[in-house]
Protein backbone atom coordinates (compact mmCIF):
# COMPACT_ATOMS: atom_id res chain seq x y z
CA MET A 1 -78.45 -80.74 36.38
CA VAL A 2 -78.05 -77.93 33.84
CA ASN A 3 -78.19 -79.23 30.27
CA GLY A 4 -76.62 -76.05 28.95
CA LYS A 5 -77.25 -73.86 25.94
CA ARG A 6 -75.79 -74.93 22.61
CA VAL A 7 -73.93 -71.62 22.06
CA VAL A 8 -73.08 -69.27 24.93
CA LEU A 9 -71.80 -65.75 24.24
CA THR A 10 -70.21 -63.63 26.96
CA ALA A 11 -67.56 -61.03 27.86
CA ASP A 12 -65.49 -60.35 30.94
CA ARG A 13 -67.10 -58.44 33.81
CA SER A 14 -65.32 -55.15 32.96
CA LEU A 15 -67.44 -55.03 29.79
CA MET A 16 -70.74 -56.23 31.26
CA THR A 17 -71.77 -52.86 32.67
CA ASN A 18 -73.57 -49.73 31.54
CA TYR A 19 -70.90 -47.60 33.27
CA ARG A 20 -73.70 -45.72 35.07
CA GLY A 21 -74.52 -44.09 31.77
CA ASN A 22 -71.05 -42.55 31.38
CA PHE A 23 -68.54 -44.23 29.06
CA LEU A 24 -65.70 -42.33 30.76
CA TYR A 25 -66.09 -44.73 33.69
CA GLY A 26 -64.90 -47.49 31.38
CA PHE A 27 -61.39 -46.12 31.66
CA ILE A 28 -61.38 -47.10 35.32
CA ALA A 29 -61.08 -50.72 34.19
CA CYS A 30 -57.70 -49.78 32.74
CA GLY A 31 -56.43 -48.82 36.20
CA PRO A 32 -54.47 -51.05 38.59
CA TYR A 33 -56.46 -53.75 40.34
CA GLU A 34 -54.17 -53.83 43.36
CA LEU A 35 -54.67 -50.20 44.41
CA VAL A 36 -58.45 -49.86 44.50
CA PRO A 37 -60.85 -52.28 46.25
CA GLU A 38 -62.82 -54.36 43.78
CA PHE A 39 -66.16 -53.18 45.14
CA VAL A 40 -65.32 -49.62 44.03
CA PHE A 41 -65.27 -50.82 40.45
CA ASP A 42 -68.08 -53.38 40.72
CA LYS A 43 -70.54 -51.32 42.74
CA LEU A 44 -69.74 -47.63 42.55
CA PHE A 45 -68.44 -46.98 39.04
CA CYS A 46 -69.39 -49.98 36.93
CA PRO A 47 -72.26 -52.04 38.40
CA SER A 48 -73.35 -55.13 36.50
CA VAL A 49 -75.89 -55.01 33.69
CA GLU A 50 -79.38 -56.27 34.51
CA THR A 51 -79.23 -60.06 34.69
CA ASP A 52 -81.72 -62.89 35.15
CA LYS A 53 -80.51 -64.49 38.39
CA GLU A 54 -82.19 -67.81 37.55
CA THR A 55 -80.73 -68.32 34.07
CA GLY A 56 -77.64 -66.08 34.10
CA GLY A 57 -78.84 -64.33 30.96
CA VAL A 58 -78.06 -60.62 30.55
CA LYS A 59 -80.67 -58.12 29.39
CA VAL A 60 -78.17 -55.91 27.51
CA ALA A 61 -74.87 -56.82 25.82
CA GLN A 62 -72.02 -55.42 23.75
CA CYS A 63 -72.94 -54.46 20.21
CA GLY A 64 -70.35 -56.97 18.94
CA LEU A 65 -72.04 -59.84 20.76
CA ARG A 66 -75.40 -58.70 19.44
CA ARG A 67 -74.00 -58.80 15.89
CA VAL A 68 -72.74 -62.38 16.35
CA GLU A 69 -76.04 -63.37 17.95
CA ALA A 70 -77.96 -61.93 14.97
CA ALA A 71 -75.68 -63.69 12.49
CA LEU A 72 -76.18 -67.06 14.19
CA LEU A 73 -79.95 -66.65 14.39
CA LYS A 74 -80.12 -66.91 10.61
CA GLU A 75 -79.89 -70.70 11.11
CA TYR A 76 -79.73 -71.50 14.83
CA LYS A 77 -82.88 -71.60 16.93
CA SER A 78 -83.34 -68.71 19.34
CA GLN A 79 -83.32 -71.05 22.35
CA ASP A 80 -79.89 -72.33 21.31
CA ILE A 81 -78.15 -68.92 21.44
CA PHE A 82 -77.61 -67.39 24.90
CA ILE A 83 -75.78 -64.27 26.05
CA ALA A 84 -74.61 -64.90 29.60
CA HIS A 85 -73.23 -62.99 32.53
CA PRO A 86 -69.55 -63.98 32.98
CA GLU A 87 -70.02 -64.74 36.68
CA MET A 88 -73.05 -67.02 36.11
CA LEU A 89 -71.83 -69.37 33.38
CA GLN A 90 -72.56 -72.42 35.54
CA LYS A 91 -76.26 -71.63 35.13
CA CYS A 92 -76.23 -71.96 31.33
CA VAL A 93 -73.23 -74.17 30.43
CA GLY A 94 -73.61 -77.94 30.47
CA PRO A 95 -73.24 -81.14 28.42
CA GLU A 96 -75.28 -79.64 25.56
CA THR A 97 -72.95 -76.65 25.21
CA LYS A 98 -70.83 -76.81 22.07
CA VAL A 99 -69.24 -73.36 21.84
CA ILE A 100 -68.52 -70.41 24.13
CA GLY A 101 -67.80 -67.14 22.32
CA ILE A 102 -66.02 -64.32 24.16
CA ASN A 103 -65.92 -60.65 23.19
CA VAL A 104 -62.72 -58.90 24.32
CA MET A 105 -61.57 -55.29 24.43
CA ASP A 106 -58.16 -55.47 26.14
CA PRO A 107 -57.89 -58.95 27.66
CA LEU A 108 -54.22 -58.86 28.65
CA GLY A 109 -54.01 -55.15 29.45
CA MET A 110 -51.71 -54.42 26.51
CA ALA A 111 -53.58 -51.52 24.92
CA PRO A 112 -52.20 -47.96 25.25
CA VAL A 113 -54.63 -46.72 27.92
CA THR A 114 -54.07 -49.74 30.15
CA THR A 115 -50.28 -49.85 29.83
CA THR A 116 -50.23 -46.16 30.71
CA MET A 117 -52.64 -46.34 33.66
CA SER A 118 -51.35 -49.62 35.11
CA PRO A 119 -47.57 -49.63 34.63
CA GLU A 120 -46.14 -52.94 35.85
CA LYS A 121 -49.41 -53.77 37.61
CA LEU A 122 -52.37 -56.01 36.81
CA SER A 123 -55.25 -53.91 35.50
CA TYR A 124 -58.92 -54.45 36.27
CA VAL A 125 -59.66 -55.43 32.67
CA ALA A 126 -56.88 -58.05 32.65
CA MET A 127 -57.86 -59.37 36.05
CA LYS A 128 -61.52 -59.71 35.06
CA PHE A 129 -60.52 -61.57 31.89
CA LYS A 130 -58.32 -63.95 33.88
CA LYS A 131 -61.22 -64.69 36.20
CA LEU A 132 -63.52 -65.38 33.26
CA CYS A 133 -61.01 -67.74 31.62
CA ALA A 134 -60.41 -69.59 34.90
CA SER A 135 -64.11 -70.40 35.22
CA ILE A 136 -64.39 -71.35 31.52
CA ILE A 137 -61.38 -73.67 31.73
CA GLN A 138 -62.97 -75.56 34.62
CA LEU A 139 -66.25 -75.91 32.73
CA LYS A 140 -64.41 -76.92 29.57
CA LYS A 141 -62.65 -79.78 31.37
CA LYS A 142 -66.05 -81.07 32.39
CA TYR A 143 -68.03 -80.57 29.17
CA GLY A 144 -65.47 -80.35 26.34
CA PHE A 145 -66.88 -77.41 24.36
CA LYS A 146 -64.85 -75.11 22.10
CA VAL A 147 -63.86 -71.54 22.98
CA VAL A 148 -63.61 -68.74 20.40
CA VAL A 149 -62.51 -65.15 21.08
CA GLY A 150 -63.06 -62.04 18.98
CA GLY A 151 -63.27 -58.28 19.36
CA ASN A 152 -60.94 -55.28 19.32
CA GLY A 153 -58.46 -56.88 21.71
CA ALA A 154 -58.29 -60.30 20.08
CA TRP A 155 -54.83 -59.55 18.64
CA GLU A 156 -53.38 -59.76 22.17
CA LEU A 157 -54.31 -63.46 22.34
CA ALA A 158 -53.21 -64.49 18.85
CA LYS A 159 -50.22 -66.56 19.99
CA PRO A 160 -50.31 -70.32 20.66
CA ASP A 161 -48.96 -70.07 24.20
CA ARG A 162 -51.47 -67.38 25.18
CA MET A 163 -54.32 -69.34 23.65
CA LYS A 164 -53.33 -72.47 25.54
CA ILE A 165 -53.00 -70.69 28.90
CA HIS A 166 -56.45 -69.16 28.54
CA GLY A 167 -58.21 -72.26 27.19
CA ILE A 168 -58.91 -70.72 23.75
CA ASP A 169 -59.33 -72.81 20.59
CA THR A 170 -59.83 -70.05 17.98
CA VAL A 171 -59.00 -66.35 17.81
CA VAL A 172 -60.83 -64.15 15.29
CA ILE A 173 -59.20 -60.87 14.29
CA GLY A 174 -61.29 -58.41 12.31
CA GLU A 175 -64.99 -58.38 11.52
CA ALA A 176 -66.76 -61.68 12.11
CA ASP A 177 -70.24 -60.74 10.82
CA GLU A 178 -70.06 -62.52 7.46
CA LEU A 179 -68.29 -65.68 8.61
CA ALA A 180 -69.80 -66.12 12.08
CA LEU A 181 -72.32 -68.73 10.99
CA ASP A 182 -69.78 -70.88 9.14
CA LEU A 183 -67.23 -70.43 11.92
CA PHE A 184 -69.55 -71.65 14.67
CA HIS A 185 -70.57 -74.67 12.58
CA ASP A 186 -66.86 -75.44 12.12
CA LEU A 187 -66.24 -75.03 15.83
CA GLU A 188 -69.01 -77.50 16.62
CA SER A 189 -67.56 -80.04 14.21
CA GLY A 190 -64.01 -79.50 15.46
CA ASP A 191 -62.89 -78.11 12.11
CA ALA A 192 -62.20 -74.43 12.92
CA PRO A 193 -58.76 -72.83 12.42
CA GLU A 194 -56.77 -71.55 15.39
CA LEU A 195 -56.46 -68.07 13.91
CA LEU A 196 -58.81 -66.32 11.51
CA HIS A 197 -58.46 -62.87 9.91
CA THR A 198 -61.72 -61.69 8.38
CA PHE A 199 -63.34 -58.49 7.11
CA VAL A 200 -66.83 -57.58 5.96
CA ARG A 201 -67.08 -56.86 2.26
CA ARG A 202 -70.56 -55.37 2.05
CA ILE A 203 -72.62 -53.34 4.48
CA GLU A 204 -75.62 -55.60 3.76
CA ASN A 205 -73.73 -58.47 5.38
CA ILE A 206 -73.68 -56.77 8.78
CA PRO A 207 -76.76 -58.20 10.56
CA SER A 208 -79.12 -55.95 12.52
CA ILE A 209 -79.05 -56.40 16.28
CA ARG A 210 -81.95 -58.26 17.94
CA GLY A 211 -81.55 -57.01 21.53
CA PRO A 212 -80.54 -53.92 23.54
CA THR A 213 -76.89 -52.94 23.83
CA ILE A 214 -74.60 -51.57 26.53
CA ASN A 215 -75.53 -47.94 27.21
CA SER A 216 -77.75 -47.94 24.08
CA LEU A 217 -74.63 -47.89 21.89
CA ILE A 218 -75.35 -48.65 18.24
CA GLU A 219 -72.85 -48.87 15.44
CA ALA A 220 -73.28 -46.01 12.98
CA MET A 221 -70.26 -46.75 10.81
CA ARG A 222 -67.10 -48.80 10.52
CA GLY A 223 -63.71 -47.80 9.34
CA CYS A 224 -62.34 -44.32 8.97
CA GLY A 225 -60.18 -43.82 5.89
CA ARG A 226 -57.87 -41.37 7.62
CA GLY A 227 -54.87 -43.70 7.26
CA CYS A 228 -52.96 -43.26 10.56
CA ASP A 229 -50.19 -45.87 10.54
CA PHE A 230 -50.55 -46.81 14.23
CA CYS A 231 -54.29 -47.55 14.08
CA ASP A 232 -55.83 -50.96 13.45
CA VAL A 233 -59.08 -49.32 12.28
CA ASN A 234 -57.43 -48.52 8.95
CA LYS A 235 -57.65 -52.17 7.97
CA ARG A 236 -61.41 -51.74 7.62
CA SER A 237 -63.01 -49.95 4.69
CA LYS A 238 -65.43 -47.18 5.66
CA LYS A 239 -69.04 -48.32 5.74
CA ASP A 240 -72.02 -46.19 6.77
CA ILE A 241 -75.05 -48.00 8.17
CA PRO A 242 -78.26 -46.50 6.72
CA LEU A 243 -80.47 -44.33 8.90
CA GLU A 244 -83.46 -46.67 8.61
CA ARG A 245 -81.48 -49.52 10.16
CA LEU A 246 -80.12 -47.29 12.88
CA GLN A 247 -83.61 -46.13 13.76
CA GLU A 248 -84.78 -49.71 14.19
CA GLU A 249 -81.79 -50.54 16.39
CA ALA A 250 -82.38 -47.35 18.39
CA LYS A 251 -86.00 -48.37 18.99
CA ILE A 252 -84.84 -51.68 20.48
CA ASN A 253 -82.78 -49.79 23.05
CA LEU A 254 -85.47 -47.21 23.75
CA ARG A 255 -88.05 -49.94 24.30
CA TYR A 256 -85.72 -51.53 26.85
CA GLY A 257 -85.68 -48.31 28.84
CA PHE A 258 -82.74 -46.22 27.67
CA ASP A 259 -83.68 -42.62 26.98
CA SER A 260 -80.86 -41.67 24.63
CA ILE A 261 -78.69 -43.14 21.87
CA TRP A 262 -74.92 -43.29 21.56
CA LEU A 263 -73.36 -43.76 18.13
CA GLN A 264 -70.27 -45.93 17.84
CA SER A 265 -67.96 -44.82 15.06
CA ASP A 266 -64.30 -44.50 14.27
CA GLU A 267 -64.87 -40.99 12.87
CA MET A 268 -68.47 -39.84 13.25
CA LEU A 269 -68.10 -36.69 11.19
CA LEU A 270 -67.23 -38.74 8.12
CA TYR A 271 -70.66 -40.40 8.11
CA GLY A 272 -72.01 -40.02 4.59
CA CYS A 273 -68.79 -38.35 3.39
CA ASP A 274 -67.74 -39.30 -0.14
CA ASN A 275 -65.36 -36.47 -1.10
CA LYS A 276 -61.60 -36.83 -1.28
CA ASP A 277 -61.01 -33.73 0.87
CA PHE A 278 -62.78 -35.31 3.86
CA VAL A 279 -65.12 -32.34 4.32
CA PRO A 280 -68.08 -33.55 6.43
CA ASN A 281 -71.40 -34.18 4.72
CA SER A 282 -73.37 -31.91 7.02
CA ASP A 283 -76.74 -32.81 5.53
CA ALA A 284 -76.21 -36.55 6.11
CA ILE A 285 -75.10 -36.07 9.72
CA ILE A 286 -77.87 -33.63 10.62
CA ASN A 287 -80.38 -35.99 9.01
CA LEU A 288 -78.95 -38.82 11.13
CA TRP A 289 -79.20 -36.84 14.39
CA SER A 290 -82.70 -35.61 13.59
CA GLY A 291 -83.82 -39.06 12.46
CA LEU A 292 -82.74 -40.65 15.73
CA LYS A 293 -84.32 -37.88 17.78
CA SER A 294 -87.57 -38.48 15.88
CA VAL A 295 -87.88 -42.04 17.26
CA GLY A 296 -87.83 -40.79 20.85
CA ALA A 297 -84.22 -40.29 21.95
CA ASN A 298 -83.62 -37.42 24.39
CA PHE A 299 -80.16 -36.78 22.99
CA ILE A 300 -77.65 -38.33 20.59
CA GLY A 301 -74.04 -38.84 21.65
CA THR A 302 -71.08 -40.22 19.75
CA THR A 303 -67.85 -41.92 20.73
CA HIS A 304 -65.30 -40.42 18.31
CA MET A 305 -64.74 -37.35 16.16
CA THR A 306 -61.70 -35.86 14.42
CA LEU A 307 -60.62 -32.29 15.07
CA SER A 308 -59.97 -31.51 11.40
CA ALA A 309 -63.62 -32.28 10.64
CA VAL A 310 -64.73 -30.16 13.60
CA ALA A 311 -62.57 -27.20 12.53
CA SER A 312 -63.77 -27.36 8.93
CA SER A 313 -67.47 -27.45 9.87
CA PRO A 314 -68.12 -25.32 12.98
CA ASP A 315 -71.73 -24.70 11.95
CA LEU A 316 -72.33 -28.46 11.92
CA ILE A 317 -71.21 -28.79 15.55
CA THR A 318 -73.50 -25.90 16.49
CA LYS A 319 -76.46 -27.56 14.76
CA LEU A 320 -75.82 -30.92 16.46
CA SER A 321 -75.75 -29.19 19.84
CA HIS A 322 -78.99 -27.42 18.95
CA ILE A 323 -80.71 -30.69 18.00
CA ASN A 324 -79.66 -32.06 21.39
CA GLY A 325 -80.84 -28.90 23.17
CA MET A 326 -77.44 -28.53 24.78
CA GLU A 327 -77.33 -24.73 24.80
CA SER A 328 -80.69 -24.43 26.57
CA SER A 329 -80.22 -27.31 29.02
CA GLY A 330 -76.59 -26.55 29.84
CA ARG A 331 -75.77 -30.22 29.27
CA TRP A 332 -72.27 -31.11 28.12
CA LEU A 333 -71.44 -34.25 26.16
CA ALA A 334 -68.02 -35.89 26.06
CA THR A 335 -66.45 -37.34 22.93
CA ASN A 336 -63.03 -38.82 22.13
CA LEU A 337 -60.66 -37.15 19.69
CA GLY A 338 -57.11 -38.13 18.76
CA VAL A 339 -54.42 -35.46 18.66
CA GLU A 340 -51.45 -37.87 18.88
CA THR A 341 -48.78 -35.23 18.01
CA VAL A 342 -48.60 -31.76 16.46
CA ALA A 343 -44.97 -31.89 15.29
CA PRO A 344 -45.26 -31.29 11.50
CA ARG A 345 -42.83 -34.01 10.41
CA MET A 346 -44.43 -36.58 12.68
CA VAL A 347 -47.91 -35.59 11.57
CA LYS A 348 -46.96 -35.95 7.92
CA LYS A 349 -45.25 -39.30 8.50
CA HIS A 350 -47.70 -41.05 10.82
CA LEU A 351 -51.14 -39.42 10.68
CA GLY A 352 -52.05 -40.22 7.09
CA VAL A 353 -54.81 -37.83 5.99
CA LYS A 354 -56.06 -37.16 9.52
CA THR A 355 -55.48 -33.44 8.96
CA LYS A 356 -57.60 -33.17 5.80
CA PRO A 357 -59.04 -30.86 4.58
CA TYR A 358 -55.96 -29.10 6.02
CA GLN A 359 -52.23 -29.65 5.57
CA ALA A 360 -49.93 -31.46 8.00
CA ASP A 361 -48.20 -28.25 9.07
CA GLU A 362 -51.59 -26.74 9.99
CA TRP A 363 -52.48 -29.53 12.41
CA GLY A 364 -51.46 -27.62 15.55
CA ALA A 365 -53.72 -24.70 14.59
CA VAL A 366 -56.51 -27.11 13.62
CA VAL A 367 -56.37 -28.77 17.05
CA ARG A 368 -56.48 -25.44 18.86
CA GLN A 369 -59.43 -24.25 16.77
CA GLY A 370 -61.26 -27.59 17.00
CA VAL A 371 -61.29 -27.75 20.80
CA LYS A 372 -62.40 -24.11 20.93
CA ILE A 373 -65.37 -24.89 18.66
CA LEU A 374 -66.32 -27.92 20.74
CA ASN A 375 -66.20 -25.99 24.02
CA GLN A 376 -68.28 -23.16 22.55
CA ASN A 377 -70.95 -25.72 21.71
CA HIS A 378 -70.99 -27.65 25.02
CA TRP A 379 -68.85 -30.56 23.85
CA PHE A 380 -66.27 -31.85 26.30
CA PRO A 381 -63.22 -33.18 24.38
CA ALA A 382 -61.33 -36.17 25.73
CA LEU A 383 -58.08 -35.89 23.79
CA THR A 384 -55.41 -38.57 23.35
CA LEU A 385 -51.70 -38.00 22.76
CA ILE A 386 -49.05 -40.57 21.94
CA ILE A 387 -45.85 -40.32 23.94
CA GLY A 388 -42.71 -42.23 23.05
CA TRP A 389 -42.81 -42.44 19.25
CA PRO A 390 -39.64 -44.37 18.31
CA ASP A 391 -38.60 -41.69 15.79
CA GLU A 392 -39.60 -38.49 17.62
CA THR A 393 -36.92 -36.00 18.68
CA PRO A 394 -37.12 -33.84 21.83
CA ASP A 395 -37.57 -30.75 19.64
CA GLU A 396 -40.61 -32.42 18.06
CA THR A 397 -42.03 -33.32 21.48
CA GLN A 398 -41.78 -29.61 22.30
CA TYR A 399 -44.50 -28.79 19.75
CA THR A 400 -47.00 -30.84 21.75
CA ILE A 401 -45.80 -29.42 25.09
CA ASP A 402 -46.54 -25.96 23.71
CA LEU A 403 -50.01 -27.14 22.70
CA ILE A 404 -50.80 -28.17 26.29
CA ASP A 405 -49.52 -24.79 27.54
CA ASP A 406 -51.88 -23.10 25.08
CA PHE A 407 -54.79 -25.15 26.43
CA ARG A 408 -54.03 -23.76 29.87
CA GLU A 409 -53.85 -20.16 28.63
CA THR A 410 -57.14 -20.45 26.74
CA ASN A 411 -58.93 -22.29 29.59
CA MET A 412 -59.71 -25.29 27.41
CA ARG A 413 -62.34 -27.43 29.10
CA GLY A 414 -61.48 -31.06 28.48
CA LEU A 415 -59.26 -33.98 29.44
CA VAL A 416 -55.90 -34.76 27.88
CA ALA A 417 -54.88 -38.42 28.06
CA PRO A 418 -51.18 -39.02 27.34
CA LEU A 419 -50.72 -42.61 26.18
CA LEU A 420 -47.47 -44.54 25.86
CA TYR A 421 -46.74 -45.65 22.29
CA GLN A 422 -47.69 -49.29 21.76
CA ASP A 423 -46.48 -51.38 18.84
CA PHE A 424 -48.76 -54.20 17.64
CA SER A 425 -45.60 -56.22 16.96
CA GLU A 426 -44.70 -55.72 20.65
CA ARG A 427 -41.11 -54.83 19.68
CA ASN A 428 -40.98 -51.03 19.97
CA SER A 429 -43.56 -50.35 22.66
CA MET A 430 -42.82 -47.53 25.09
CA HIS A 431 -42.53 -47.97 28.85
CA PHE A 432 -42.26 -45.42 31.66
CA GLY A 433 -38.69 -46.47 32.32
CA ASN A 434 -37.70 -45.39 28.78
CA LEU A 435 -39.04 -41.81 28.89
CA ASN A 436 -36.57 -39.08 28.02
CA GLU A 437 -36.80 -35.64 29.63
CA ALA A 438 -38.97 -34.09 26.90
CA GLN A 439 -41.40 -37.00 26.94
CA PHE A 440 -41.64 -36.86 30.72
CA ALA A 441 -42.22 -33.09 30.56
CA LEU A 442 -45.12 -33.65 28.16
CA PHE A 443 -46.60 -36.32 30.43
CA TRP A 444 -46.34 -34.04 33.44
CA ARG A 445 -47.85 -31.07 31.57
CA CYS A 446 -50.84 -33.18 30.50
CA TRP A 447 -51.65 -34.23 34.05
CA GLN A 448 -51.06 -30.73 35.35
CA HIS A 449 -53.69 -29.62 32.86
CA ASN A 450 -56.09 -32.32 34.05
CA LEU A 451 -55.53 -31.26 37.64
CA TRP A 452 -56.23 -27.63 36.74
CA VAL A 453 -59.57 -28.46 35.08
CA ILE A 454 -60.68 -31.22 37.46
CA ASN A 455 -63.35 -29.06 39.08
CA ASP A 456 -64.88 -28.41 35.64
CA ILE A 457 -64.69 -32.07 34.75
CA ILE A 458 -66.20 -33.61 37.88
CA PRO A 459 -69.79 -32.34 37.33
CA ILE A 460 -69.78 -33.99 33.90
CA ILE A 461 -68.31 -37.25 35.18
CA ILE A 462 -70.59 -37.69 38.19
CA ARG A 463 -73.80 -36.49 36.52
CA ASN A 464 -75.99 -39.49 37.24
CA LYS A 465 -79.55 -40.04 38.42
CA THR A 466 -78.47 -42.96 40.63
CA TYR A 467 -76.11 -40.83 42.75
CA GLY A 468 -77.41 -38.96 45.78
CA PRO A 469 -75.65 -35.86 47.18
CA LEU A 470 -73.40 -37.81 49.54
CA MET A 471 -72.42 -40.26 46.81
CA LYS A 472 -71.55 -37.39 44.48
CA ILE A 473 -69.31 -35.87 47.13
CA PHE A 474 -67.64 -39.25 47.70
CA MET A 475 -67.13 -39.80 43.94
CA ALA A 476 -65.72 -36.31 43.47
CA THR A 477 -63.26 -36.91 46.29
CA LEU A 478 -62.28 -40.26 44.80
CA ILE A 479 -61.65 -38.74 41.36
CA LYS A 480 -59.51 -35.96 42.82
CA ALA A 481 -57.57 -38.49 44.89
CA GLY A 482 -56.91 -40.55 41.78
CA THR A 483 -55.58 -37.54 39.91
CA TRP A 484 -53.31 -36.61 42.80
CA ALA A 485 -52.09 -40.23 42.98
CA ILE A 486 -51.04 -40.03 39.32
CA MET A 487 -49.11 -36.80 39.98
CA ARG A 488 -47.45 -38.43 42.99
CA TYR A 489 -46.43 -41.42 40.86
CA LEU A 490 -44.95 -39.10 38.22
CA ARG A 491 -43.03 -37.19 40.88
CA GLY A 492 -41.42 -40.41 42.08
CA LEU A 493 -40.77 -41.47 38.48
CA SER A 494 -38.93 -38.21 37.81
CA LYS A 495 -36.59 -38.79 40.72
CA ASN A 496 -35.92 -42.37 39.61
CA LEU A 497 -35.30 -41.52 35.97
CA PHE A 498 -33.39 -38.28 36.29
CA ASP A 499 -30.95 -38.63 39.19
CA GLY A 500 -33.28 -37.47 41.94
CA ARG A 501 -34.40 -34.30 40.16
CA PRO A 502 -38.03 -33.21 40.77
CA PRO A 503 -40.51 -32.75 37.90
CA GLU A 504 -40.40 -28.95 38.14
CA GLU A 505 -36.69 -28.94 37.29
CA ILE A 506 -37.18 -31.22 34.29
CA VAL A 507 -40.25 -29.40 32.99
CA SER A 508 -38.69 -25.94 33.33
CA LYS A 509 -36.28 -26.82 30.51
CA TYR A 510 -39.23 -27.25 28.16
CA SER A 511 -41.30 -24.21 29.14
CA ARG A 512 -39.77 -22.04 26.43
CA ARG A 513 -42.20 -20.95 23.74
CA LYS A 514 -41.38 -22.51 20.40
CA SER A 515 -42.57 -20.65 17.33
CA VAL A 516 -45.72 -22.42 16.09
CA THR A 517 -48.36 -21.67 13.51
CA ALA A 518 -50.81 -19.52 15.44
CA SER A 519 -53.13 -18.47 12.63
CA LEU A 520 -56.38 -20.35 12.40
CA PRO A 521 -57.17 -22.32 9.24
CA PRO A 522 -59.91 -20.86 7.07
CA LYS A 523 -63.45 -22.15 7.38
CA LEU A 524 -64.51 -24.18 4.36
């Protein structure tokens, strides 16, 4: 009989993968579970992390779980804290187990990417979370432990009925680093609240990780300071983790066997920035890249940038590419950047100071210049747009349609991901059935662009040492088929929404060229 570990930490199977070294594969979990066989996700795109088959313990884990683990190890014994594979909980949960902690990203499939990619269908990420909860509920009936959930998607579960259905006792929204130790003691004693909002006050209170992380991702900074009104990140103050700490965390991942380091941030180019104009601190960022290279990393990647920072500091992007050797190796790196909208009134109303050091009415020119700089320096932008703002007019949507047309004319190399507007209050969220003609035209234009550049994109997406020639051909075919399937869905949607009219007829009404600011902002 398994006695069980005192505290077990885990996450659903869609998060327990290294995504074959390519974070873009993570978006596949946002797709519909019913349309693609599960083995395609589990084996081809997102195979499981290395796991001890005897104990169920994983060798790498999400950075968030590593933070909680490190916080608990201040008082708990190392043998009492266990990070487990979600499909092997029976190997480590037993009568001695007091708490199971779950890290979630999008447990109910309510985030913008998932609602857009899986309209009216169960997504992989939601399905995997349901499977995890089903197994935990059965174990909980037997052993009576407490269940706590935290992470970026915890807000989706912060309702009594949802907590009850999924067997959850406590939901933590925010940053748990400081209060994790007290919280788990309270959970063990049966004294924990059902809902807890918490934020870290000081960078020193964020514990250093003790083990390797998914895809060697380490947290370089928290918060952003840009002030977009639709973004939960703005609730966190900006905190930069010192280089010395990042080097130590990088070494943990390199010792495990990763050859490179990815930096998690909400706005990487604001690392070390302390000026009110949001001009990047080039010295701090170059020092960070060089410092991480010096401990043995082959290259340094990052999850998020902002185009205004890119446009204001083109020489910085060039230097980062040079440190990575991207111009000589021909390697391209992908990073996520939010465009959201380029309509001046909408930018001024909703995007806070995202455009700084530029003005709101310069945002369209900033975006055009930013993606050009990235492409020139071997960076592959994955851009997000928000479609269905409650207060956006068709004329304002036109500004962003014109932007996508400009991308086509300038041969921009990068993905554009149109995302349906999602309201945290769940009252004003957008759905495909509510799209007006202008919003549909923008959606169609975005996926036309993706179809046009798919042959440029595929080599970046399938670049992987574990794929042989035949597998690369198969994956390329699968990616193309998926893109065509999206276009086919949109074609049917057009006929349903607009009295049988095809997309070409709808889009033609919005192909006129609106007068936009074409001049590039000055370099600072």
